[in-house]
Protein backbone atom coordinates (compact mmCIF):
# COMPACT_ATOMS: atom_id res chain seq x y z
CA UNK A 1 0.10 0.18 -0.23
CA UNK A 2 0.93 3.55 -0.96
CA UNK A 3 -0.36 4.97 1.67
CA UNK A 4 -0.27 4.32 5.80
CA UNK A 5 -2.96 5.07 8.71
CA UNK A 6 -0.30 5.62 10.70
CA UNK A 7 2.29 8.35 11.28
CA UNK A 8 5.43 7.27 12.03
CA UNK A 9 7.96 9.86 13.59
CA UNK A 10 11.30 9.45 12.45
CA UNK A 11 13.14 11.09 15.63
CA UNK A 12 12.06 8.13 18.34
CA UNK A 13 10.91 5.56 16.32
CA UNK A 14 7.53 5.80 17.65
CA UNK A 15 3.96 5.43 15.36
CA UNK A 16 0.79 7.28 16.57
CA UNK A 17 -2.19 7.21 14.74
CA UNK A 18 -3.10 8.91 11.49
CA UNK A 19 -6.93 10.64 11.59
CA UNK A 20 -7.25 11.82 7.88
CA UNK A 21 -5.16 8.64 6.31
CA UNK A 22 -7.74 6.48 7.58
CA UNK A 23 -10.59 9.00 6.85
CA UNK A 24 -9.36 9.03 3.65
CA UNK A 25 -9.44 4.85 3.45
CA UNK A 26 -12.70 4.90 4.59
CA UNK A 27 -13.82 7.26 2.10
CA UNK A 28 -12.50 5.40 -0.42
CA UNK A 29 -13.44 2.32 0.57
CA UNK A 30 -17.19 3.56 0.50
CA UNK A 31 -16.57 4.11 -3.13
CA UNK A 32 -17.17 0.47 -3.56
CA UNK A 33 -20.90 0.81 -3.19
CA UNK A 34 -21.91 3.48 -5.13
CA UNK A 35 -22.01 3.89 -9.09
CA UNK A 36 -19.99 5.01 -11.46
CA UNK A 37 -22.19 7.81 -12.81
CA UNK A 38 -22.83 9.11 -8.68
CA UNK A 39 -18.63 8.77 -8.67
CA UNK A 40 -18.31 11.30 -11.01
CA UNK A 41 -21.09 13.59 -9.26
CA UNK A 42 -18.95 13.36 -6.49
CA UNK A 43 -15.13 13.51 -7.32
CA UNK A 44 -15.59 16.36 -10.07
CA UNK A 45 -16.47 19.90 -9.52
CA UNK A 46 -20.16 20.74 -11.10
CA UNK A 47 -20.14 20.95 -14.88
CA UNK A 48 -16.61 20.71 -15.13
CA UNK A 49 -13.60 17.89 -15.61
CA UNK A 50 -11.73 19.31 -13.00
CA UNK A 51 -10.84 16.81 -10.30
CA UNK A 52 -11.48 18.27 -6.45
CA UNK A 53 -8.54 18.71 -5.07
CA UNK A 54 -9.71 16.89 -1.65
CA UNK A 55 -10.31 14.38 -3.45
CA UNK A 56 -6.91 13.57 -5.01
CA UNK A 57 -5.58 11.37 -2.56
CA UNK A 58 -8.94 9.51 -2.10
CA UNK A 59 -9.39 8.15 -5.88
CA UNK A 60 -5.82 6.91 -5.79
CA UNK A 61 -6.72 4.97 -2.46
CA UNK A 62 -9.48 3.71 -4.56
CA UNK A 63 -7.71 2.58 -7.37
CA UNK A 64 -5.25 0.84 -4.97
CA UNK A 65 -7.60 -1.12 -2.89
CA UNK A 66 -10.02 -1.82 -6.23
CA UNK A 67 -6.96 -3.45 -8.20
CA UNK A 68 -7.81 -6.95 -7.36
CA UNK A 69 -12.07 -6.45 -7.91
CA UNK A 70 -11.74 -5.77 -12.19
CA UNK A 71 -15.09 -4.21 -12.48
CA UNK A 72 -14.61 -2.02 -9.81
CA UNK A 73 -11.05 -1.03 -10.30
CA UNK A 74 -12.40 -0.31 -14.39
CA UNK A 75 -15.34 1.79 -13.21
CA UNK A 76 -12.89 4.29 -11.67
CA UNK A 77 -10.49 4.21 -15.09
CA UNK A 78 -13.82 4.89 -17.03
CA UNK A 79 -14.75 7.86 -14.79
CA UNK A 80 -11.47 9.19 -15.13
CA UNK A 81 -10.57 8.89 -18.36
CA UNK A 82 -14.25 10.11 -19.61
CA UNK A 83 -13.66 13.13 -17.45
CA UNK A 84 -9.58 14.26 -16.71
CA UNK A 85 -7.24 12.00 -18.66
CA UNK A 86 -4.11 13.39 -17.09
CA UNK A 87 -5.27 12.09 -13.31
CA UNK A 88 -3.47 8.56 -13.35
CA UNK A 89 -0.96 9.45 -15.74
CA UNK A 90 0.23 12.58 -14.10
CA UNK A 91 -0.10 10.88 -10.32
CA UNK A 92 2.69 8.20 -11.60
CA UNK A 93 0.79 5.67 -9.23
CA UNK A 94 3.95 3.10 -8.23
CA UNK A 95 0.80 0.63 -7.03
CA UNK A 96 -0.45 -0.05 -10.91
CA UNK A 97 0.37 -3.55 -12.38
CA UNK A 98 2.54 -3.55 -15.44
CA UNK A 99 -0.48 -4.69 -17.07
CA UNK A 100 -2.89 -2.49 -15.95
CA UNK A 101 -0.40 0.32 -16.97
CA UNK A 102 -0.28 -0.99 -20.41
CA UNK A 103 -3.84 -1.47 -20.67
CA UNK A 104 -4.26 2.36 -19.09
CA UNK A 105 -2.18 3.84 -21.82
CA UNK A 106 -4.10 1.99 -24.52
CA UNK A 107 -7.28 3.48 -23.66
CA UNK A 108 -5.95 6.84 -23.18
CA UNK A 109 -4.15 7.04 -26.24
CA UNK A 110 -6.94 5.21 -28.31
CA UNK A 111 -9.47 7.86 -26.39
CA UNK A 112 -7.57 10.27 -28.34
CA UNK A 113 -7.30 8.62 -31.71
CA UNK A 114 -10.77 7.80 -31.81
CA UNK A 115 -11.40 11.73 -31.33
CA UNK A 116 -9.34 12.85 -33.31
CA UNK A 117 -7.23 14.70 -31.04
CA UNK A 118 -3.38 15.69 -30.93
CA UNK A 119 -1.32 15.09 -27.63
CA UNK A 120 0.03 18.31 -27.76
CA UNK A 121 1.01 19.23 -23.89
CA UNK A 122 4.75 17.82 -24.22
CA UNK A 123 4.80 17.44 -20.03
CA UNK A 124 1.67 14.98 -20.76
CA UNK A 125 3.26 13.13 -23.81
CA UNK A 126 6.64 12.66 -20.93
CA UNK A 127 3.94 11.25 -18.14
CA UNK A 128 2.49 9.36 -20.50
CA UNK A 129 5.43 7.61 -21.75
CA UNK A 130 6.87 7.23 -17.63
CA UNK A 131 3.70 5.65 -16.77
CA UNK A 132 3.92 2.70 -19.37
CA UNK A 133 7.46 2.89 -20.81
CA UNK A 134 7.42 -0.72 -21.74
CA UNK A 135 7.88 -2.76 -25.46
CA UNK A 136 4.04 -3.31 -25.46
CA UNK A 137 3.65 0.19 -25.44
CA UNK A 138 6.39 0.95 -27.33
CA UNK A 139 5.27 -1.43 -30.16
CA UNK A 140 1.77 -0.42 -29.93
CA UNK A 141 2.56 2.70 -31.31
CA UNK A 142 5.24 1.24 -34.01
CA UNK A 143 1.55 -0.20 -34.90
CA UNK A 144 -0.15 2.55 -35.19
CA UNK A 145 2.67 4.39 -37.49
CA UNK A 146 2.52 1.54 -39.88
CA UNK A 147 -1.85 1.82 -40.11
CA UNK A 148 -3.18 3.85 -42.77
CA UNK A 149 -4.80 6.20 -40.73
CA UNK A 150 -5.43 9.98 -39.52
CA UNK A 151 -2.23 12.46 -39.43
CA UNK A 152 -3.45 12.87 -35.53
CA UNK A 153 -2.55 9.20 -34.84
CA UNK A 154 0.26 9.69 -36.82
CA UNK A 155 1.24 12.80 -34.85
CA UNK A 156 0.80 11.57 -31.46
CA UNK A 157 2.95 8.19 -32.36
CA UNK A 158 5.65 9.92 -33.26
CA UNK A 159 5.57 12.66 -30.21
CA UNK A 160 5.15 9.78 -27.94
CA UNK A 161 8.09 8.04 -29.79
CA UNK A 162 10.38 10.46 -28.92
CA UNK A 163 10.21 9.32 -24.98
CA UNK A 164 10.41 5.71 -25.84
CA UNK A 165 12.85 3.80 -23.88
CA UNK A 166 14.47 1.56 -26.23
CA UNK A 167 16.43 -0.55 -23.78
CA UNK A 168 12.98 -1.45 -22.76
CA UNK A 169 13.27 -3.32 -26.29
CA UNK A 170 14.13 -7.08 -27.13
CA UNK A 171 15.34 -5.83 -30.52
CA UNK A 172 15.76 -1.59 -30.87
CA UNK A 173 16.90 -1.73 -34.50
CA UNK A 174 14.03 -2.93 -35.61
CA UNK A 175 11.94 -0.50 -34.02
CA UNK A 176 14.51 2.38 -35.57
CA UNK A 177 14.60 1.10 -38.55
CA UNK A 178 10.29 0.96 -38.50
CA UNK A 179 11.17 4.54 -37.79
CA UNK A 180 13.55 5.91 -40.73
CA UNK A 181 11.33 3.73 -43.39
CA UNK A 182 7.93 6.14 -41.76
CA UNK A 183 10.15 8.97 -42.69
CA UNK A 184 11.27 8.38 -45.82
CA UNK A 185 7.55 7.23 -46.76
CA UNK A 186 6.12 10.85 -45.22
CA UNK A 187 8.38 12.99 -46.25
CA UNK A 188 6.61 14.60 -48.69
CA UNK A 189 2.99 14.56 -46.24
CA UNK A 190 2.70 18.08 -45.75
CA UNK A 191 1.31 17.50 -42.60
CA UNK A 192 3.24 15.47 -40.88
CA UNK A 193 6.45 17.82 -42.25
CA UNK A 194 6.96 19.80 -38.83
CA UNK A 195 6.94 16.22 -37.01
CA UNK A 196 8.72 14.03 -38.74
CA UNK A 197 11.79 14.38 -37.06
CA UNK A 198 10.33 14.41 -33.19
CA UNK A 199 11.55 10.35 -32.38
CA UNK A 200 15.07 11.03 -33.88
CA UNK A 201 15.53 13.70 -30.75
CA UNK A 202 15.98 10.21 -28.69
CA UNK A 203 19.05 10.09 -27.74
CA UNK A 204 19.50 6.89 -28.79
CA UNK A 205 19.78 8.20 -32.38
CA UNK A 206 22.74 10.51 -31.48
CA UNK A 207 25.31 8.53 -33.16
CA UNK A 208 27.05 8.62 -36.45
CA UNK A 209 25.39 5.60 -38.13
CA UNK A 210 21.74 6.29 -37.69
CA UNK A 211 22.34 10.30 -38.17
CA UNK A 212 24.06 9.48 -41.53
CA UNK A 213 21.56 7.48 -42.67
CA UNK A 214 18.64 9.71 -41.66
CA UNK A 215 20.60 11.93 -44.36
CA UNK A 216 20.65 9.83 -47.14
CA UNK A 217 16.78 9.61 -46.56
CA UNK A 218 16.34 13.31 -46.83
CA UNK A 219 19.51 14.10 -49.21
CA UNK A 220 17.12 15.69 -51.84
CA UNK A 221 14.56 17.72 -48.96
CA UNK A 222 14.58 21.65 -48.97
CA UNK A 223 11.39 21.88 -46.49
CA UNK A 224 12.98 23.58 -43.89
CA UNK A 225 11.64 22.27 -40.74
CA UNK A 226 13.17 18.95 -41.89
CA UNK A 227 16.72 20.83 -42.44
CA UNK A 228 16.79 22.18 -39.38
CA UNK A 229 16.01 19.22 -37.40
CA UNK A 230 18.30 17.79 -38.87
CA UNK A 231 21.28 20.15 -38.14
CA UNK A 232 19.86 19.24 -34.89
CA UNK A 233 20.44 16.22 -35.21
CA UNK A 234 24.49 17.14 -36.18
CA UNK A 235 25.32 19.03 -33.40
CA UNK A 236 25.50 15.87 -31.55
CA UNK A 237 28.16 14.53 -33.39
CA UNK A 238 32.09 15.75 -32.45
CA UNK A 239 33.27 16.35 -36.84
CA UNK A 240 31.18 17.68 -39.00
CA UNK A 241 33.61 19.31 -41.36
CA UNK A 242 32.92 16.37 -43.13
CA UNK A 243 29.58 17.20 -44.16
CA UNK A 244 30.80 20.97 -44.45
CA UNK A 245 29.06 20.75 -48.26
CA UNK A 246 26.24 19.69 -47.94
CA UNK A 247 25.39 22.55 -44.52
CA UNK A 248 26.57 24.76 -46.98
CA UNK A 249 24.38 23.59 -50.02
CA UNK A 250 20.85 23.81 -48.26
CA UNK A 251 21.90 26.51 -45.85
CA UNK A 252 19.66 29.24 -48.14
CA UNK A 253 16.54 26.85 -47.74
CA UNK A 254 16.53 27.71 -43.64
CA UNK A 255 14.06 30.44 -43.69
CA UNK A 256 10.42 31.41 -42.32
CA UNK A 257 7.80 30.44 -44.75
CA UNK A 258 4.02 29.99 -45.37
CA UNK A 259 2.66 26.30 -45.70
CA UNK A 260 0.08 24.70 -48.06
CA UNK A 261 -2.77 26.19 -45.41
CA UNK A 262 -1.44 29.81 -45.10
CA UNK A 263 0.65 29.23 -41.97
CA UNK A 264 3.29 31.46 -41.47
CA UNK A 265 6.00 29.30 -39.70
CA UNK A 266 8.98 31.32 -38.07
CA UNK A 267 12.56 29.31 -39.00
CA UNK A 268 14.96 30.25 -35.94
CA UNK A 269 18.91 29.38 -38.21
CA UNK A 270 20.80 29.62 -34.03
CA UNK A 271 21.17 25.52 -34.69
CA UNK A 272 22.91 26.33 -38.30
CA UNK A 273 25.61 29.25 -35.84
CA UNK A 274 26.04 26.41 -33.64
CA UNK A 275 27.21 24.06 -36.32
CA UNK A 276 29.75 26.66 -37.72
CA UNK A 277 30.68 27.35 -34.35
CA UNK A 278 32.01 23.17 -34.76
CA UNK A 279 33.56 23.28 -37.93
CA UNK A 280 37.36 22.79 -37.40
CA UNK A 281 38.71 23.37 -41.49
CA UNK A 282 40.27 26.93 -41.95
CA UNK A 283 38.45 26.59 -44.68
CA UNK A 284 34.54 25.72 -43.45
CA UNK A 285 35.42 28.88 -40.70
CA UNK A 286 35.85 31.24 -43.76
CA UNK A 287 32.82 29.98 -45.31
CA UNK A 288 30.82 30.44 -42.39
CA UNK A 289 31.62 33.18 -41.04
CA UNK A 290 31.48 35.13 -44.84
CA UNK A 291 27.63 33.28 -44.49
CA UNK A 292 27.11 34.76 -41.34
CA UNK A 293 27.94 38.26 -42.19
CA UNK A 294 25.25 38.41 -45.01
CA UNK A 295 22.52 37.17 -42.91
CA UNK A 296 19.82 40.34 -43.13
CA UNK A 297 16.16 40.55 -42.16
CA UNK A 298 14.85 37.54 -41.08
CA UNK A 299 18.06 35.82 -41.58
CA UNK A 300 19.70 37.41 -39.35
CA UNK A 301 17.43 37.59 -36.43
CA UNK A 302 19.14 36.85 -33.35
CA UNK A 303 21.90 39.61 -33.93
CA UNK A 304 23.34 38.41 -30.36
CA UNK A 305 23.69 35.13 -31.13
CA UNK A 306 24.80 35.80 -34.56
CA UNK A 307 27.94 38.32 -32.62
CA UNK A 308 28.90 35.65 -30.36
CA UNK A 309 29.09 32.90 -33.28
CA UNK A 310 31.29 35.51 -35.30
CA UNK A 311 33.84 36.13 -32.20
CA UNK A 312 34.40 32.97 -32.08
CA UNK A 313 34.92 32.32 -35.84
CA UNK A 314 37.09 34.92 -35.85
CA UNK A 315 39.38 33.96 -32.67
CA UNK A 316 39.67 30.63 -34.47
CA UNK A 317 40.82 32.37 -37.79
CA UNK A 318 43.64 34.80 -35.47
CA UNK A 319 45.06 31.60 -33.83
CA UNK A 320 45.92 29.94 -36.43
CA UNK A 321 47.12 33.34 -39.02
CA UNK A 322 49.44 33.75 -36.07
CA UNK A 323 50.46 30.02 -36.38
CA UNK A 324 51.22 29.74 -39.93
CA UNK A 325 50.72 33.46 -41.57
CA UNK A 326 47.93 31.36 -43.93
CA UNK A 327 47.45 34.40 -46.38
CA UNK A 328 44.28 32.95 -47.44
CA UNK A 329 42.82 33.91 -43.62
CA UNK A 330 43.07 37.67 -43.80
CA UNK A 331 41.34 37.47 -47.65
CA UNK A 332 38.55 35.48 -46.17
CA UNK A 333 37.85 37.98 -42.95
CA UNK A 334 38.05 40.83 -45.42
CA UNK A 335 35.65 38.96 -47.85
CA UNK A 336 33.37 38.70 -45.02
CA UNK A 337 33.68 42.42 -43.80
CA UNK A 338 32.61 43.19 -47.18
CA UNK A 339 29.33 41.44 -46.70
CA UNK A 340 28.45 43.09 -43.53
CA UNK A 341 25.31 45.44 -43.59
CA UNK A 342 27.14 48.81 -42.41
CA UNK A 343 25.29 52.08 -42.54
CA UNK A 344 27.42 54.73 -43.82
CA UNK A 345 26.07 57.31 -41.63
CA UNK A 346 24.58 56.06 -38.01
CA UNK A 347 25.67 52.95 -36.48
CA UNK A 348 23.31 50.88 -34.17
CA UNK A 349 24.34 49.11 -31.50
CA UNK A 350 24.92 45.45 -33.00
CA UNK A 351 26.73 47.01 -35.90
CA UNK A 352 29.24 48.76 -33.92
CA UNK A 353 29.65 44.90 -31.98
CA UNK A 354 30.49 43.70 -35.02
CA UNK A 355 32.70 45.77 -36.54
CA UNK A 356 34.66 45.83 -32.97
CA UNK A 357 35.39 42.25 -33.67
CA UNK A 358 36.64 42.30 -37.03
CA UNK A 359 38.79 45.58 -35.27
CA UNK A 360 40.41 42.79 -33.22
CA UNK A 361 41.27 40.34 -34.85
CA UNK A 362 43.51 42.80 -36.99
CA UNK A 363 45.08 44.27 -33.92
CA UNK A 364 45.93 41.05 -32.24
CA UNK A 365 47.22 39.66 -36.02
CA UNK A 366 49.06 43.01 -35.65
CA UNK A 367 47.97 43.91 -39.16
CA UNK A 368 46.60 46.88 -38.77
CA UNK A 369 48.79 49.18 -40.08
CA UNK A 370 48.70 46.74 -43.53
CA UNK A 371 45.37 47.06 -43.80
CA UNK A 372 45.14 51.03 -43.47
CA UNK A 373 48.33 51.50 -45.87
CA UNK A 374 46.75 48.78 -48.25
CA UNK A 375 43.45 50.87 -48.74
CA UNK A 376 44.76 54.18 -48.24
CA UNK A 377 46.31 53.62 -51.41
CA UNK A 378 43.18 52.11 -53.45
CA UNK A 379 42.17 55.91 -52.19
CA UNK A 380 44.86 57.89 -53.27
CA UNK A 381 45.94 56.25 -56.83
CA UNK A 382 42.50 55.90 -58.36
CA UNK A 383 43.93 57.00 -61.25
CA UNK A 384 45.73 53.95 -61.45
CA UNK A 385 44.20 49.87 -61.39
CA UNK A 386 42.88 50.51 -57.94
CA UNK A 387 39.21 50.30 -58.04
CA UNK A 388 37.75 51.31 -54.79
CA UNK A 389 35.51 48.80 -53.04
CA UNK A 390 32.67 51.05 -51.04
CA UNK A 391 31.99 47.37 -49.59
CA UNK A 392 34.97 48.47 -47.79
CA UNK A 393 34.54 51.98 -46.67
CA UNK A 394 33.90 51.96 -43.13
CA UNK A 395 37.47 49.84 -42.35
CA UNK A 396 39.71 52.68 -42.30
CA UNK A 397 37.56 54.70 -39.72
CA UNK A 398 37.25 51.35 -38.06
CA UNK A 399 41.05 50.55 -37.72
CA UNK A 400 42.10 53.65 -38.27
CA UNK A 401 44.59 54.88 -34.48
CA UNK A 402 45.31 58.56 -34.11
CA UNK A 403 49.27 58.85 -34.26
CA UNK A 404 48.25 56.70 -38.11
CA UNK A 405 45.63 59.25 -38.83
CA UNK A 406 48.19 62.01 -37.93
CA UNK A 407 50.83 60.55 -39.58
CA UNK A 408 48.79 60.54 -42.85
CA UNK A 409 47.56 64.33 -42.43
CA UNK A 410 50.92 65.12 -42.62
CA UNK A 411 51.82 63.39 -45.89
CA UNK A 412 49.75 66.05 -47.38
CA UNK A 413 50.76 69.11 -48.75
CA UNK A 414 48.25 71.84 -46.26
CA UNK A 415 46.67 73.27 -49.35
CA UNK A 416 46.24 69.91 -51.10
CA UNK A 417 42.28 70.23 -51.08
CA UNK A 418 41.74 66.44 -52.30
CA UNK A 419 43.89 65.41 -49.61
CA UNK A 420 41.42 67.52 -47.17
CA UNK A 421 38.64 65.87 -48.11
CA UNK A 422 40.11 62.08 -48.10
CA UNK A 423 41.35 63.06 -43.70
CA UNK A 424 37.70 63.60 -43.16
CA UNK A 425 36.54 60.06 -44.75
CA UNK A 426 39.79 58.48 -42.88
CA UNK A 427 38.46 59.68 -39.51
CA UNK A 428 37.92 56.99 -37.00
CA UNK A 429 34.61 55.67 -35.46
CA UNK A 430 34.52 56.60 -32.32
CA UNK A 431 33.17 59.94 -31.55
CA UNK A 432 35.50 61.16 -28.97
CA UNK A 433 38.91 60.84 -31.16
CA UNK A 434 36.70 61.57 -33.99
CA UNK A 435 35.58 65.31 -32.94
CA UNK A 436 39.13 65.79 -31.57
CA UNK A 437 41.03 64.59 -35.28
CA UNK A 438 37.85 66.75 -37.14
CA UNK A 439 39.81 69.95 -35.57
CA UNK A 440 43.44 68.71 -36.01
CA UNK A 441 42.07 68.59 -39.81
CA UNK A 442 40.84 71.99 -39.78
CA UNK A 443 43.65 73.62 -38.53
CA UNK A 444 46.50 71.64 -40.41
CA UNK A 445 44.89 72.11 -44.12
CA UNK A 446 45.24 76.00 -44.34
CA UNK A 447 43.34 76.83 -48.14
CA UNK A 448 41.14 79.02 -48.70
CA UNK A 449 37.49 76.43 -47.96
CA UNK A 450 34.06 77.41 -49.15
CA UNK A 451 31.78 78.93 -46.67
CA UNK A 452 29.33 76.34 -46.47
CA UNK A 453 25.71 77.61 -46.51
CA UNK A 454 23.35 77.15 -42.76
CA UNK A 455 19.88 76.40 -44.68
CA UNK A 456 17.97 76.55 -41.60
CA UNK A 457 19.30 80.08 -40.83
CA UNK A 458 18.57 80.78 -44.69
CA UNK A 459 15.06 79.32 -44.64
CA UNK A 460 14.33 81.35 -40.92
CA UNK A 461 15.05 84.39 -43.02
CA UNK A 462 12.96 83.90 -46.13
CA UNK A 463 10.38 82.86 -43.21
CA UNK A 464 10.53 86.60 -41.58
CA UNK A 465 10.33 88.16 -45.10
CA UNK A 466 7.46 86.51 -46.30
CA UNK A 467 5.42 86.46 -43.04
CA UNK A 468 7.37 89.24 -40.81
CA UNK A 469 7.10 87.06 -38.18
CA UNK A 470 9.38 89.56 -36.12
CA UNK A 471 6.67 91.79 -35.86
CA UNK A 472 4.24 89.46 -35.71
CA UNK A 473 6.32 88.44 -31.94
CA UNK A 474 6.32 92.06 -30.80
CA UNK A 475 2.45 91.91 -31.00
C-alpha cells in the first residue's frame, strides 16, 4: 500500500494514529458501493472535468484497493478517462501493475485517436510514456505508424516515440528502422513534415550511423523545418566538417516560410550557427563567417547569437593566422567584412559590436597598419588600376588610430584640397577621437575653404520675410 493510517516519528521511531489517512481510506472503501455516475458527481466540480482537490488522495486509494476487483477498478478508470485523462498518468501511482499500466496507456491513446485529437501538451507526453514505457506500448506505437490512419494518429505516435526507452526493447534496431522508413514514406506529407524528426530527438539516435542513414533519406529535401531538424542531429556529432559541403548547399533553404494552408512558420537559424561554431577546417570557418556576415532581415533575427558566433570564428582564424601566417585567412576575413550590412551614417549597437570584432582580429594579428596602408593606396591612387571597394568604406574609420591618422594627414600638403577631403573620410569611428581629429584637420589644412551655407538660417530668413514674423512676435 502506498499510504499508512499510522504516522512514523523519525526521531523516536514511534507511531501515532493518522486520522486524515484513516478517514480517506474509509471514504475510498465506501466508493466501492456506489455507481460510476454518482462517483463522477462526487469527485468532480459541477459541470467541470476538474477533480476536486480534496478527493485526489481518495481517488488514488480507491484505485489501489480495487486492483483485484476488475469491474470496480475499470469503473474508476472509465470515469477518469471520460473526465480527465491526465490524473492517473500524472499521479504515477506506483501500486499499479504493469498490465494495468499498459491497458490504461492504450485506453488513453485510443481515446485521443477516436476523437481525432492531438497529444499536444509536452509534459503530458513525457508523463504518459513514463507511466507505461514498456516493449508492449512501444510496439503499440509502431503499429499506429504502420496503420493507414489519420494525421493526428501518426502525430501522436511520433511525439510519444521521442520518450521511448529503447533499453526495454528486445530488438531496438527494428523499431529504429520502422521510424526511418516512416520518415522516408511520409517526407512529402505536408501535414506531418513538422513532426517527422521528433522521434529522432531521442538520444538513441545520437550516433554517426543513424544520423548518416537519416541524412541519406532527406538528401534531396528542401523543407525548412526538416533541414533545421537534421542540423540539430548533426550537432550531436563531434566532427561535422565532413558534412560542410552539404550544409553550405542547403543553408539558404533554412528560413521562414508559409505552408499550403497559409500558416506562416518562423524558422530560427541558431542551430545552423552552432554548426558553424563546430567547424575545424580553416576553409569551412571562413565560409561560415561569410554566411554570417550576409545574415540580414529574418535571416539575421538573432543578432546577439550571430555576433557571438562571429567572435568565436574570428578568434579561431586569429589563432591559426598567428600560427601559420596563411594569407587566405586575411583575405577571407576581408571578404566577410565586405558582406556586412554596415550603415554609412549612424551605426546601431549590433553594427558597432560586429565592427569591433573585426577590429580586434586585425589588431591581434598585427595587421592594422598593413590593412590601412593598402586601403590608403586604393583611395589615393584611383587613376591607376586600383578600384575603390565601397563595401570596405568603413574599414579605414574602423581601424584608424590617432598616430596613424596624424602621420597620414602630414603626408599631404597643407594646401591639398583632395587631401583635406580624404582625411575627413579617414576620420575614426570613435566619437571623442573623431571630434578631436576633425579639429586637427581643420587646423592643419590652410587653403581657403568655401563658407558653407547654413540652410536652417537661410530658410528662417525667408520665413520671416514672407510672414514678417518679427513684427508678429512684437504684437
